[in-house]
Amino acid sequence: MDESQPLISSNVQAHQSYSFTCVRNPYTRILSSFFDKICGIQRNGNRYRGKLVPTLVQKYGIEVGGEDGKQEFDQIASFRRFLLFARDTIRWRRPMDPDIHWSAISGHVSTFIVNGGRYDKIFWTESYNDGMQQVLDQIETPNSVDLSKIPRFNESEGHGPKRAHPVEDYFDDLSMHLVYEIYKRDFDLFKYDFNDPSNKMPIAEIDLDEVHAKLGE
């Protein structure tokens, strides 16, 4: 809302509120993007972004499990073709601009920083309850929050094919190279393990000073 923008901007630049965000492992995130947004059917019964999936089928030879997303298909081959598409959108903005769901998280995080914001906490989706609890411990809320009772949902959960293989099976040497090309800063700044796609957990603590220095340039 237009009238809210100056209020939000001044709050961010004066750091009047506790600021936090949540990041996710690039391997599992791009894989989820494929199954949720490309193969999955949204709650409204339509494909994500209308003509996106037909374009992928035509130009990249990607299969998505048929009209309802429930037919068997070669998930690994189609995912690797989707990875090429994601790289093309990010590097050349063709055949479309990159989507928020597969563009690097570091880019989203940097938007806040370059506009004068500073994060008090960045935590990992993979240990969400611990991270979110640390945030809640630092702030006062109008009502007490019990994280175990907060409902969770996914827009396309149950509306498409289930992942048939372990995460690491989808990533050969070439696809790991593509993932690193796209998400190098995510791996470096948020301390995820590039060398082992099967390890979704971080391998070091996030250095907030490093994040602000590198993403505020």
N, C-alpha and C. Protein backbone atom coordinates (compact mmCIF):
# COMPACT_ATOMS: atom_id res chain seq x y z
N MET A 1 0.85 -1.19 0.00
CA MET A 1 0.00 0.00 0.00
C MET A 1 0.89 1.24 0.00
N ASP A 2 0.55 2.15 -0.90
CA ASP A 2 1.40 3.33 -1.09
C ASP A 2 1.65 4.09 0.21
N GLU A 3 0.59 4.25 1.02
CA GLU A 3 0.75 5.06 2.23
C GLU A 3 1.66 4.38 3.27
N SER A 4 1.87 3.07 3.13
CA SER A 4 2.71 2.34 4.08
C SER A 4 4.19 2.44 3.73
N GLN A 5 4.50 2.70 2.47
CA GLN A 5 5.89 2.62 2.03
C GLN A 5 6.84 3.56 2.78
N PRO A 6 6.50 4.84 2.94
CA PRO A 6 7.43 5.71 3.68
C PRO A 6 7.58 5.29 5.15
N LEU A 7 6.52 4.74 5.73
CA LEU A 7 6.60 4.28 7.12
C LEU A 7 7.54 3.09 7.24
N ILE A 8 7.42 2.17 6.28
CA ILE A 8 8.30 1.00 6.29
C ILE A 8 9.74 1.41 6.02
N SER A 9 9.94 2.28 5.02
CA SER A 9 11.30 2.72 4.66
C SER A 9 12.00 3.39 5.84
N SER A 10 11.30 4.29 6.52
CA SER A 10 11.93 5.00 7.64
C SER A 10 12.23 4.04 8.78
N ASN A 11 11.34 3.09 9.00
CA ASN A 11 11.56 2.09 10.06
C ASN A 11 12.79 1.25 9.75
N VAL A 12 12.90 0.81 8.50
CA VAL A 12 14.04 -0.02 8.09
C VAL A 12 15.34 0.76 8.23
N GLN A 13 15.36 1.97 7.72
CA GLN A 13 16.61 2.75 7.71
C GLN A 13 17.04 3.19 9.11
N ALA A 14 16.07 3.36 10.00
CA ALA A 14 16.40 3.72 11.38
C ALA A 14 16.56 2.49 12.27
N HIS A 15 16.31 1.32 11.70
CA HIS A 15 16.42 0.03 12.41
C HIS A 15 15.59 0.07 13.70
N GLN A 16 14.33 0.41 13.54
CA GLN A 16 13.44 0.53 14.69
C GLN A 16 12.77 -0.80 15.06
N SER A 17 12.86 -1.78 14.16
CA SER A 17 12.26 -3.09 14.42
C SER A 17 13.30 -4.19 14.26
N TYR A 18 13.11 -5.27 15.01
CA TYR A 18 13.98 -6.45 14.86
C TYR A 18 13.77 -7.01 13.46
N SER A 19 14.86 -7.22 12.73
CA SER A 19 14.77 -7.66 11.33
C SER A 19 15.40 -9.03 11.17
N PHE A 20 14.68 -9.91 10.50
CA PHE A 20 15.18 -11.27 10.31
C PHE A 20 14.70 -11.83 8.99
N THR A 21 15.35 -12.87 8.55
CA THR A 21 14.88 -13.61 7.38
C THR A 21 15.33 -15.05 7.50
N CYS A 22 14.87 -15.87 6.58
CA CYS A 22 15.09 -17.31 6.62
C CYS A 22 15.64 -17.75 5.26
N VAL A 23 16.65 -18.60 5.24
CA VAL A 23 17.26 -19.05 3.99
C VAL A 23 17.15 -20.57 3.88
N ARG A 24 17.42 -21.08 2.68
CA ARG A 24 17.23 -22.52 2.44
C ARG A 24 18.35 -23.06 1.56
N ASN A 25 18.66 -24.35 1.75
CA ASN A 25 19.69 -25.02 0.96
C ASN A 25 19.36 -24.93 -0.53
N PRO A 26 20.31 -24.47 -1.36
CA PRO A 26 20.02 -24.31 -2.80
C PRO A 26 19.62 -25.62 -3.49
N TYR A 27 20.21 -26.74 -3.10
CA TYR A 27 19.86 -28.01 -3.75
C TYR A 27 18.39 -28.37 -3.52
N THR A 28 17.97 -28.38 -2.26
CA THR A 28 16.58 -28.76 -1.99
C THR A 28 15.61 -27.68 -2.45
N ARG A 29 16.05 -26.43 -2.45
CA ARG A 29 15.17 -25.34 -2.86
C ARG A 29 14.86 -25.41 -4.36
N ILE A 30 15.86 -25.60 -5.19
CA ILE A 30 15.62 -25.66 -6.64
C ILE A 30 14.84 -26.92 -6.99
N LEU A 31 15.09 -28.01 -6.26
CA LEU A 31 14.33 -29.24 -6.48
C LEU A 31 12.86 -29.05 -6.11
N SER A 32 12.61 -28.38 -4.99
CA SER A 32 11.24 -28.10 -4.60
C SER A 32 10.55 -27.18 -5.60
N SER A 33 11.30 -26.22 -6.14
CA SER A 33 10.72 -25.33 -7.16
C SER A 33 10.22 -26.14 -8.35
N PHE A 34 11.01 -27.13 -8.74
CA PHE A 34 10.63 -27.97 -9.88
C PHE A 34 9.34 -28.74 -9.59
N PHE A 35 9.28 -29.42 -8.44
CA PHE A 35 8.11 -30.24 -8.15
C PHE A 35 6.89 -29.40 -7.79
N ASP A 36 7.08 -28.30 -7.06
CA ASP A 36 5.95 -27.48 -6.64
C ASP A 36 5.41 -26.59 -7.76
N LYS A 37 6.33 -25.91 -8.46
CA LYS A 37 5.89 -24.89 -9.41
C LYS A 37 5.77 -25.38 -10.84
N ILE A 38 6.60 -26.36 -11.22
CA ILE A 38 6.58 -26.83 -12.60
C ILE A 38 5.70 -28.07 -12.76
N CYS A 39 5.90 -29.05 -11.88
CA CYS A 39 5.11 -30.28 -11.99
C CYS A 39 3.78 -30.20 -11.26
N GLY A 40 3.72 -29.42 -10.20
CA GLY A 40 2.53 -29.39 -9.35
C GLY A 40 1.38 -28.60 -9.95
N ILE A 41 0.18 -28.94 -9.48
CA ILE A 41 -1.02 -28.20 -9.84
C ILE A 41 -1.36 -27.30 -8.65
N GLN A 42 -1.58 -26.02 -8.88
CA GLN A 42 -1.89 -25.09 -7.80
C GLN A 42 -3.29 -25.37 -7.23
N ARG A 43 -3.57 -24.79 -6.08
CA ARG A 43 -4.85 -25.04 -5.42
C ARG A 43 -6.04 -24.62 -6.28
N ASN A 44 -5.82 -23.65 -7.17
CA ASN A 44 -6.92 -23.21 -8.03
C ASN A 44 -7.14 -24.13 -9.23
N GLY A 45 -6.35 -25.21 -9.30
CA GLY A 45 -6.51 -26.18 -10.38
C GLY A 45 -5.72 -25.87 -11.62
N ASN A 46 -5.00 -24.75 -11.62
CA ASN A 46 -4.23 -24.33 -12.79
C ASN A 46 -2.75 -24.58 -12.60
N ARG A 47 -2.02 -24.55 -13.70
CA ARG A 47 -0.57 -24.60 -13.64
C ARG A 47 -0.02 -23.26 -13.17
N TYR A 48 1.15 -23.30 -12.56
CA TYR A 48 1.81 -22.09 -12.10
C TYR A 48 2.17 -21.21 -13.30
N ARG A 49 1.82 -19.95 -13.24
CA ARG A 49 2.16 -18.96 -14.26
C ARG A 49 1.72 -19.34 -15.67
N GLY A 50 0.57 -19.94 -15.75
CA GLY A 50 -0.08 -20.12 -17.04
C GLY A 50 0.71 -20.83 -18.12
N LYS A 51 1.35 -20.06 -19.00
CA LYS A 51 2.02 -20.62 -20.18
C LYS A 51 3.43 -21.13 -19.90
N LEU A 52 3.87 -21.02 -18.65
CA LEU A 52 5.24 -21.41 -18.32
C LEU A 52 5.50 -22.88 -18.64
N VAL A 53 4.64 -23.77 -18.15
CA VAL A 53 4.89 -25.20 -18.33
C VAL A 53 4.83 -25.61 -19.81
N PRO A 54 3.83 -25.18 -20.59
CA PRO A 54 3.86 -25.51 -22.02
C PRO A 54 5.14 -25.03 -22.71
N THR A 55 5.65 -23.87 -22.31
CA THR A 55 6.90 -23.36 -22.88
C THR A 55 8.06 -24.30 -22.55
N LEU A 56 8.11 -24.77 -21.31
CA LEU A 56 9.18 -25.69 -20.90
C LEU A 56 9.09 -27.02 -21.61
N VAL A 57 7.89 -27.51 -21.80
CA VAL A 57 7.70 -28.77 -22.51
C VAL A 57 8.19 -28.63 -23.95
N GLN A 58 7.84 -27.51 -24.57
CA GLN A 58 8.18 -27.30 -25.98
C GLN A 58 9.65 -27.01 -26.18
N LYS A 59 10.22 -26.10 -25.39
CA LYS A 59 11.57 -25.62 -25.66
C LYS A 59 12.67 -26.43 -24.97
N TYR A 60 12.34 -27.09 -23.86
CA TYR A 60 13.37 -27.80 -23.10
C TYR A 60 13.11 -29.30 -23.00
N GLY A 61 11.99 -29.76 -23.55
CA GLY A 61 11.70 -31.19 -23.52
C GLY A 61 11.42 -31.72 -22.12
N ILE A 62 10.89 -30.87 -21.27
CA ILE A 62 10.62 -31.26 -19.88
C ILE A 62 9.27 -31.96 -19.79
N GLU A 63 9.24 -33.06 -19.03
CA GLU A 63 7.98 -33.75 -18.72
C GLU A 63 7.56 -33.36 -17.31
N VAL A 64 6.24 -33.32 -17.09
CA VAL A 64 5.74 -32.88 -15.78
C VAL A 64 4.72 -33.85 -15.18
N GLY A 65 4.63 -35.05 -15.73
CA GLY A 65 3.70 -36.01 -15.15
C GLY A 65 2.29 -35.92 -15.68
N GLY A 66 2.17 -35.45 -16.92
CA GLY A 66 0.86 -35.40 -17.55
C GLY A 66 0.01 -34.22 -17.09
N GLU A 67 -1.24 -34.22 -17.52
CA GLU A 67 -2.15 -33.10 -17.23
C GLU A 67 -2.36 -32.91 -15.74
N ASP A 68 -2.41 -34.01 -14.98
CA ASP A 68 -2.69 -33.89 -13.55
C ASP A 68 -1.43 -33.99 -12.70
N GLY A 69 -0.27 -34.13 -13.36
CA GLY A 69 0.98 -34.22 -12.62
C GLY A 69 1.18 -35.53 -11.89
N LYS A 70 0.40 -36.56 -12.23
CA LYS A 70 0.47 -37.81 -11.47
C LYS A 70 0.95 -39.00 -12.30
N GLN A 71 1.27 -38.76 -13.58
CA GLN A 71 1.76 -39.84 -14.42
C GLN A 71 3.26 -40.05 -14.17
N GLU A 72 3.73 -41.26 -14.42
CA GLU A 72 5.16 -41.53 -14.24
C GLU A 72 5.96 -40.87 -15.38
N PHE A 73 7.14 -40.37 -15.04
CA PHE A 73 8.04 -39.79 -16.04
C PHE A 73 9.45 -39.81 -15.47
N ASP A 74 10.42 -39.52 -16.30
CA ASP A 74 11.82 -39.52 -15.86
C ASP A 74 12.10 -38.22 -15.11
N GLN A 75 11.93 -38.29 -13.80
CA GLN A 75 12.06 -37.07 -12.98
C GLN A 75 13.46 -36.48 -13.05
N ILE A 76 14.47 -37.34 -13.05
CA ILE A 76 15.85 -36.85 -13.02
C ILE A 76 16.18 -36.11 -14.31
N ALA A 77 15.86 -36.71 -15.46
CA ALA A 77 16.15 -36.07 -16.75
C ALA A 77 15.40 -34.74 -16.88
N SER A 78 14.13 -34.73 -16.48
CA SER A 78 13.33 -33.50 -16.61
C SER A 78 13.82 -32.43 -15.65
N PHE A 79 14.19 -32.82 -14.44
CA PHE A 79 14.71 -31.82 -13.50
C PHE A 79 15.99 -31.18 -14.04
N ARG A 80 16.89 -31.99 -14.59
CA ARG A 80 18.15 -31.43 -15.10
C ARG A 80 17.91 -30.48 -16.26
N ARG A 81 16.88 -30.74 -17.04
CA ARG A 81 16.53 -29.81 -18.12
C ARG A 81 15.94 -28.53 -17.53
N PHE A 82 15.15 -28.67 -16.49
CA PHE A 82 14.62 -27.49 -15.80
C PHE A 82 15.75 -26.64 -15.24
N LEU A 83 16.80 -27.30 -14.75
CA LEU A 83 17.94 -26.56 -14.21
C LEU A 83 18.60 -25.70 -15.29
N LEU A 84 18.68 -26.21 -16.51
CA LEU A 84 19.20 -25.42 -17.63
C LEU A 84 18.31 -24.20 -17.87
N PHE A 85 16.99 -24.43 -17.82
CA PHE A 85 16.05 -23.33 -17.99
C PHE A 85 16.24 -22.27 -16.90
N ALA A 86 16.35 -22.71 -15.63
CA ALA A 86 16.53 -21.77 -14.52
C ALA A 86 17.81 -20.95 -14.73
N ARG A 87 18.89 -21.62 -15.14
CA ARG A 87 20.15 -20.92 -15.40
C ARG A 87 19.98 -19.90 -16.53
N ASP A 88 19.27 -20.29 -17.59
CA ASP A 88 19.06 -19.38 -18.72
C ASP A 88 18.29 -18.13 -18.30
N THR A 89 17.28 -18.32 -17.44
CA THR A 89 16.48 -17.15 -17.00
C THR A 89 17.33 -16.21 -16.16
N ILE A 90 18.24 -16.77 -15.36
CA ILE A 90 19.05 -15.95 -14.47
C ILE A 90 20.19 -15.26 -15.22
N ARG A 91 20.84 -15.98 -16.13
CA ARG A 91 21.99 -15.40 -16.83
C ARG A 91 21.57 -14.50 -17.98
N TRP A 92 20.59 -14.95 -18.77
CA TRP A 92 20.22 -14.20 -19.98
C TRP A 92 18.81 -13.64 -19.97
N ARG A 93 18.06 -13.91 -18.89
CA ARG A 93 16.66 -13.47 -18.78
C ARG A 93 15.83 -13.95 -19.97
N ARG A 94 16.17 -15.14 -20.47
CA ARG A 94 15.42 -15.78 -21.56
C ARG A 94 15.16 -17.23 -21.19
N PRO A 95 14.03 -17.80 -21.57
CA PRO A 95 12.93 -17.18 -22.32
C PRO A 95 12.02 -16.29 -21.47
N MET A 96 12.42 -16.03 -20.23
CA MET A 96 11.64 -15.15 -19.34
C MET A 96 12.58 -14.66 -18.24
N ASP A 97 12.10 -13.68 -17.47
CA ASP A 97 12.87 -13.23 -16.31
C ASP A 97 12.85 -14.33 -15.26
N PRO A 98 13.90 -14.39 -14.42
CA PRO A 98 13.92 -15.43 -13.38
C PRO A 98 12.78 -15.24 -12.39
N ASP A 99 12.27 -16.35 -11.92
CA ASP A 99 11.17 -16.35 -10.97
C ASP A 99 11.73 -16.24 -9.55
N ILE A 100 10.97 -15.64 -8.65
CA ILE A 100 11.42 -15.47 -7.28
C ILE A 100 11.73 -16.81 -6.62
N HIS A 101 11.08 -17.88 -7.07
CA HIS A 101 11.25 -19.18 -6.42
C HIS A 101 12.56 -19.87 -6.79
N TRP A 102 13.20 -19.45 -7.88
CA TRP A 102 14.49 -20.09 -8.20
C TRP A 102 15.64 -19.09 -8.40
N SER A 103 15.37 -17.79 -8.27
CA SER A 103 16.50 -16.86 -8.25
C SER A 103 17.16 -16.92 -6.87
N ALA A 104 18.44 -16.57 -6.81
CA ALA A 104 19.23 -16.78 -5.59
C ALA A 104 18.64 -16.02 -4.40
N ILE A 105 18.63 -16.67 -3.25
CA ILE A 105 18.14 -16.03 -2.03
C ILE A 105 19.01 -14.84 -1.67
N SER A 106 20.31 -14.91 -1.94
CA SER A 106 21.19 -13.79 -1.62
C SER A 106 20.73 -12.51 -2.32
N GLY A 107 20.15 -12.65 -3.50
CA GLY A 107 19.61 -11.49 -4.21
C GLY A 107 18.43 -10.88 -3.48
N HIS A 108 17.55 -11.73 -2.95
CA HIS A 108 16.41 -11.22 -2.18
C HIS A 108 16.89 -10.56 -0.89
N VAL A 109 17.85 -11.20 -0.24
CA VAL A 109 18.38 -10.67 1.02
C VAL A 109 19.07 -9.33 0.78
N SER A 110 19.77 -9.20 -0.35
CA SER A 110 20.53 -7.97 -0.61
C SER A 110 19.62 -6.78 -0.84
N THR A 111 18.41 -7.00 -1.35
CA THR A 111 17.48 -5.89 -1.60
C THR A 111 17.23 -5.11 -0.32
N PHE A 112 17.04 -5.82 0.77
CA PHE A 112 16.80 -5.18 2.06
C PHE A 112 18.04 -4.41 2.52
N ILE A 113 19.21 -5.00 2.32
CA ILE A 113 20.45 -4.39 2.80
C ILE A 113 20.80 -3.13 2.02
N VAL A 114 20.73 -3.20 0.69
CA VAL A 114 21.13 -2.03 -0.12
C VAL A 114 20.16 -0.87 0.04
N ASN A 115 18.97 -1.15 0.56
CA ASN A 115 18.00 -0.08 0.82
C ASN A 115 18.07 0.41 2.26
N GLY A 116 19.17 0.07 2.94
CA GLY A 116 19.40 0.64 4.26
C GLY A 116 19.05 -0.24 5.43
N GLY A 117 18.64 -1.48 5.17
CA GLY A 117 18.27 -2.37 6.27
C GLY A 117 19.47 -3.13 6.82
N ARG A 118 19.31 -3.61 8.04
CA ARG A 118 20.32 -4.48 8.64
C ARG A 118 19.61 -5.61 9.37
N TYR A 119 20.02 -6.84 9.07
CA TYR A 119 19.40 -8.00 9.70
C TYR A 119 19.96 -8.24 11.09
N ASP A 120 19.07 -8.54 12.02
CA ASP A 120 19.49 -8.97 13.36
C ASP A 120 19.69 -10.48 13.41
N LYS A 121 18.99 -11.19 12.52
CA LYS A 121 19.07 -12.65 12.53
C LYS A 121 18.77 -13.20 11.14
N ILE A 122 19.60 -14.14 10.70
CA ILE A 122 19.29 -14.93 9.51
C ILE A 122 19.41 -16.39 9.94
N PHE A 123 18.33 -17.13 9.78
CA PHE A 123 18.38 -18.54 10.20
C PHE A 123 18.00 -19.45 9.05
N TRP A 124 18.15 -20.75 9.27
CA TRP A 124 17.97 -21.75 8.21
C TRP A 124 16.59 -22.40 8.28
N THR A 125 15.97 -22.58 7.12
CA THR A 125 14.72 -23.31 7.05
C THR A 125 14.85 -24.71 7.65
N GLU A 126 16.04 -25.29 7.47
CA GLU A 126 16.26 -26.67 7.90
C GLU A 126 16.21 -26.83 9.42
N SER A 127 16.38 -25.74 10.15
CA SER A 127 16.18 -25.78 11.61
C SER A 127 15.25 -24.62 11.97
N TYR A 128 14.11 -24.63 11.31
CA TYR A 128 13.19 -23.49 11.39
C TYR A 128 12.73 -23.20 12.82
N ASN A 129 12.28 -24.22 13.52
CA ASN A 129 11.74 -23.97 14.86
C ASN A 129 12.78 -23.35 15.79
N ASP A 130 14.01 -23.84 15.72
CA ASP A 130 15.07 -23.28 16.56
C ASP A 130 15.32 -21.82 16.20
N GLY A 131 15.44 -21.54 14.90
CA GLY A 131 15.71 -20.18 14.45
C GLY A 131 14.59 -19.22 14.78
N MET A 132 13.35 -19.66 14.52
CA MET A 132 12.21 -18.79 14.77
C MET A 132 12.02 -18.56 16.27
N GLN A 133 12.35 -19.56 17.07
CA GLN A 133 12.25 -19.38 18.51
C GLN A 133 13.25 -18.35 19.00
N GLN A 134 14.45 -18.35 18.41
CA GLN A 134 15.45 -17.35 18.77
C GLN A 134 14.96 -15.94 18.43
N VAL A 135 14.24 -15.82 17.32
CA VAL A 135 13.65 -14.52 16.97
C VAL A 135 12.60 -14.13 18.00
N LEU A 136 11.71 -15.05 18.33
CA LEU A 136 10.64 -14.75 19.28
C LEU A 136 11.19 -14.38 20.66
N ASP A 137 12.33 -14.97 21.00
CA ASP A 137 12.95 -14.66 22.29
C ASP A 137 13.47 -13.22 22.36
N GLN A 138 13.66 -12.61 21.19
CA GLN A 138 14.24 -11.26 21.14
C GLN A 138 13.19 -10.16 21.00
N ILE A 139 11.95 -10.54 20.83
CA ILE A 139 10.91 -9.54 20.57
C ILE A 139 9.73 -9.74 21.52
N GLU A 140 8.89 -8.70 21.59
CA GLU A 140 7.64 -8.81 22.34
C GLU A 140 6.49 -8.90 21.34
N THR A 141 5.64 -9.89 21.52
CA THR A 141 4.49 -10.07 20.64
C THR A 141 3.20 -9.80 21.42
N PRO A 142 2.17 -9.31 20.75
CA PRO A 142 0.90 -9.03 21.46
C PRO A 142 0.33 -10.27 22.14
N ASN A 143 0.56 -11.43 21.52
CA ASN A 143 0.11 -12.69 22.09
C ASN A 143 1.27 -13.67 22.09
N SER A 144 1.28 -14.57 23.04
CA SER A 144 2.35 -15.57 23.09
C SER A 144 2.22 -16.51 21.90
N VAL A 145 3.36 -16.96 21.39
CA VAL A 145 3.37 -17.81 20.19
C VAL A 145 3.95 -19.17 20.55
N ASP A 146 3.17 -20.22 20.27
CA ASP A 146 3.64 -21.60 20.44
C ASP A 146 3.92 -22.15 19.04
N LEU A 147 5.21 -22.24 18.68
CA LEU A 147 5.56 -22.63 17.32
C LEU A 147 5.01 -23.99 16.93
N SER A 148 4.91 -24.89 17.90
CA SER A 148 4.43 -26.24 17.59
C SER A 148 2.97 -26.26 17.16
N LYS A 149 2.24 -25.17 17.44
CA LYS A 149 0.82 -25.13 17.11
C LYS A 149 0.53 -24.27 15.88
N ILE A 150 1.57 -23.67 15.30
CA ILE A 150 1.37 -22.84 14.11
C ILE A 150 1.13 -23.76 12.91
N PRO A 151 0.03 -23.59 12.17
CA PRO A 151 -0.22 -24.46 11.01
C PRO A 151 0.77 -24.20 9.88
N ARG A 152 1.11 -25.24 9.15
CA ARG A 152 2.01 -25.13 7.99
C ARG A 152 1.25 -25.65 6.77
N PHE A 153 1.51 -25.05 5.62
CA PHE A 153 0.91 -25.55 4.40
C PHE A 153 1.79 -25.20 3.21
N ASN A 154 1.57 -25.90 2.13
CA ASN A 154 2.30 -25.65 0.89
C ASN A 154 1.25 -25.57 -0.22
N GLU A 155 1.31 -24.50 -1.02
CA GLU A 155 0.29 -24.26 -2.04
C GLU A 155 0.04 -25.46 -2.95
N SER A 156 1.11 -26.16 -3.34
CA SER A 156 0.93 -27.25 -4.31
C SER A 156 1.15 -28.63 -3.70
N GLU A 157 1.30 -28.70 -2.39
CA GLU A 157 1.53 -30.00 -1.75
C GLU A 157 0.37 -30.94 -2.05
N GLY A 158 0.70 -32.15 -2.52
CA GLY A 158 -0.33 -33.13 -2.81
C GLY A 158 -1.02 -32.93 -4.14
N HIS A 159 -0.58 -31.94 -4.92
CA HIS A 159 -1.21 -31.65 -6.20
C HIS A 159 -0.28 -31.96 -7.37
N GLY A 160 0.71 -32.80 -7.14
CA GLY A 160 1.65 -33.13 -8.21
C GLY A 160 2.41 -34.39 -7.86
N PRO A 161 3.42 -34.73 -8.66
CA PRO A 161 4.17 -35.96 -8.42
C PRO A 161 5.02 -35.89 -7.16
N LYS A 162 5.17 -37.02 -6.50
CA LYS A 162 6.07 -37.11 -5.36
C LYS A 162 7.49 -37.32 -5.86
N ARG A 163 8.45 -36.77 -5.14
CA ARG A 163 9.85 -36.98 -5.50
C ARG A 163 10.18 -38.46 -5.31
N ALA A 164 10.68 -39.10 -6.39
CA ALA A 164 10.86 -40.54 -6.38
C ALA A 164 12.26 -40.99 -5.96
N HIS A 165 13.20 -40.05 -5.83
CA HIS A 165 14.59 -40.41 -5.57
C HIS A 165 15.17 -39.52 -4.47
N PRO A 166 16.26 -39.96 -3.85
CA PRO A 166 16.95 -39.07 -2.89
C PRO A 166 17.46 -37.82 -3.60
N VAL A 167 17.60 -36.74 -2.85
CA VAL A 167 18.02 -35.46 -3.42
C VAL A 167 19.28 -35.60 -4.28
N GLU A 168 20.28 -36.32 -3.76
CA GLU A 168 21.57 -36.38 -4.44
C GLU A 168 21.49 -37.04 -5.81
N ASP A 169 20.46 -37.89 -6.04
CA ASP A 169 20.35 -38.58 -7.34
C ASP A 169 20.04 -37.62 -8.48
N TYR A 170 19.49 -36.47 -8.17
CA TYR A 170 19.12 -35.51 -9.21
C TYR A 170 20.30 -34.68 -9.70
N PHE A 171 21.42 -34.73 -8.97
CA PHE A 171 22.53 -33.84 -9.26
C PHE A 171 23.79 -34.63 -9.65
N ASP A 172 24.11 -34.62 -10.96
CA ASP A 172 25.38 -35.17 -11.41
C ASP A 172 26.40 -34.03 -11.44
N ASP A 173 27.60 -34.29 -11.97
CA ASP A 173 28.65 -33.27 -11.98
C ASP A 173 28.21 -32.00 -12.70
N LEU A 174 27.54 -32.17 -13.86
CA LEU A 174 27.13 -31.00 -14.64
C LEU A 174 26.08 -30.19 -13.89
N SER A 175 25.08 -30.87 -13.33
CA SER A 175 24.02 -30.13 -12.65
C SER A 175 24.55 -29.48 -11.37
N MET A 176 25.52 -30.11 -10.69
CA MET A 176 26.15 -29.46 -9.53
C MET A 176 26.87 -28.19 -9.98
N HIS A 177 27.52 -28.27 -11.12
CA HIS A 177 28.21 -27.09 -11.66
C HIS A 177 27.21 -25.97 -11.94
N LEU A 178 26.06 -26.31 -12.53
CA LEU A 178 25.04 -25.32 -12.82
C LEU A 178 24.50 -24.71 -11.52
N VAL A 179 24.27 -25.55 -10.52
CA VAL A 179 23.76 -25.06 -9.24
C VAL A 179 24.76 -24.08 -8.62
N TYR A 180 26.03 -24.41 -8.71
CA TYR A 180 27.05 -23.52 -8.13
C TYR A 180 27.13 -22.20 -8.90
N GLU A 181 26.97 -22.29 -10.22
CA GLU A 181 26.98 -21.08 -11.05
C GLU A 181 25.85 -20.14 -10.63
N ILE A 182 24.68 -20.72 -10.34
CA ILE A 182 23.50 -19.92 -9.99
C ILE A 182 23.56 -19.45 -8.53
N TYR A 183 24.01 -20.32 -7.63
CA TYR A 183 23.83 -20.08 -6.20
C TYR A 183 25.14 -19.97 -5.41
N LYS A 184 26.21 -19.58 -6.06
CA LYS A 184 27.51 -19.53 -5.38
C LYS A 184 27.43 -18.68 -4.10
N ARG A 185 26.83 -17.51 -4.18
CA ARG A 185 26.76 -16.64 -3.00
C ARG A 185 25.90 -17.25 -1.90
N ASP A 186 24.85 -17.97 -2.29
CA ASP A 186 24.01 -18.63 -1.28
C ASP A 186 24.83 -19.66 -0.50
N PHE A 187 25.59 -20.49 -1.22
CA PHE A 187 26.43 -21.48 -0.55
C PHE A 187 27.44 -20.79 0.36
N ASP A 188 28.10 -19.77 -0.16
CA ASP A 188 29.20 -19.13 0.58
C ASP A 188 28.70 -18.38 1.81
N LEU A 189 27.64 -17.59 1.65
CA LEU A 189 27.20 -16.72 2.74
C LEU A 189 26.35 -17.43 3.78
N PHE A 190 25.56 -18.41 3.33
CA PHE A 190 24.64 -19.07 4.26
C PHE A 190 25.16 -20.44 4.71
N LYS A 191 26.39 -20.76 4.28
CA LYS A 191 27.19 -21.86 4.81
C LYS A 191 26.61 -23.25 4.54
N TYR A 192 26.08 -23.40 3.32
CA TYR A 192 25.61 -24.73 2.92
C TYR A 192 26.72 -25.52 2.24
N ASP A 193 26.54 -26.83 2.19
CA ASP A 193 27.56 -27.75 1.71
C ASP A 193 27.39 -27.99 0.21
N PHE A 194 28.20 -27.31 -0.61
CA PHE A 194 28.10 -27.50 -2.05
C PHE A 194 28.52 -28.91 -2.46
N ASN A 195 29.51 -29.47 -1.80
CA ASN A 195 30.10 -30.74 -2.23
C ASN A 195 29.23 -31.95 -1.98
N ASP A 196 28.18 -31.81 -1.18
CA ASP A 196 27.35 -32.97 -0.82
C ASP A 196 25.87 -32.61 -0.91
N PRO A 197 25.24 -32.85 -2.07
CA PRO A 197 23.81 -32.53 -2.21
C PRO A 197 22.92 -33.26 -1.22
N SER A 198 23.41 -34.39 -0.67
CA SER A 198 22.59 -35.15 0.28
C SER A 198 22.56 -34.49 1.66
N ASN A 199 23.47 -33.54 1.92
CA ASN A 199 23.52 -32.86 3.21
C ASN A 199 22.79 -31.53 3.13
N LYS A 200 21.57 -31.50 3.61
CA LYS A 200 20.81 -30.26 3.52
C LYS A 200 21.15 -29.28 4.63
N MET A 201 21.90 -29.72 5.63
CA MET A 201 22.20 -28.87 6.78
C MET A 201 23.42 -28.00 6.53
N PRO A 202 23.47 -26.82 7.14
CA PRO A 202 24.65 -25.95 7.01
C PRO A 202 25.87 -26.56 7.68
N ILE A 203 27.04 -26.09 7.29
CA ILE A 203 28.29 -26.64 7.83
C ILE A 203 29.05 -25.61 8.66
N ALA A 204 28.50 -24.42 8.83
CA ALA A 204 29.13 -23.39 9.66
C ALA A 204 28.05 -22.38 10.04
N GLU A 205 28.40 -21.48 10.94
CA GLU A 205 27.47 -20.43 11.36
C GLU A 205 27.47 -19.29 10.35
N ILE A 206 26.33 -18.66 10.17
CA ILE A 206 26.23 -17.48 9.30
C ILE A 206 26.91 -16.30 9.98
N ASP A 207 27.76 -15.60 9.23
CA ASP A 207 28.46 -14.41 9.72
C ASP A 207 27.69 -13.19 9.21
N LEU A 208 26.91 -12.55 10.09
CA LEU A 208 26.08 -11.43 9.67
C LEU A 208 26.89 -10.27 9.13
N ASP A 209 28.06 -10.02 9.70
CA ASP A 209 28.91 -8.93 9.20
C ASP A 209 29.35 -9.22 7.76
N GLU A 210 29.69 -10.48 7.48
CA GLU A 210 30.08 -10.87 6.12
C GLU A 210 28.91 -10.69 5.16
N VAL A 211 27.72 -11.11 5.57
CA VAL A 211 26.53 -10.98 4.72
C VAL A 211 26.30 -9.50 4.37
N HIS A 212 26.33 -8.64 5.38
CA HIS A 212 26.08 -7.22 5.12
C HIS A 212 27.17 -6.59 4.27
N ALA A 213 28.41 -6.99 4.50
CA ALA A 213 29.52 -6.41 3.71
C ALA A 213 29.42 -6.83 2.25
N LYS A 214 29.13 -8.10 1.98
CA LYS A 214 29.15 -8.61 0.60
C LYS A 214 27.87 -8.32 -0.16
N LEU A 215 26.76 -8.24 0.54
CA LEU A 215 25.48 -7.99 -0.15
C LEU A 215 25.10 -6.51 -0.14
N GLY A 216 25.87 -5.69 0.56
CA GLY A 216 25.57 -4.27 0.59
C GLY A 216 26.39 -3.48 -0.42
N GLU A 217 27.20 -4.20 -1.23
CA GLU A 217 28.07 -3.52 -2.20
C GLU A 217 27.27 -2.96 -3.36
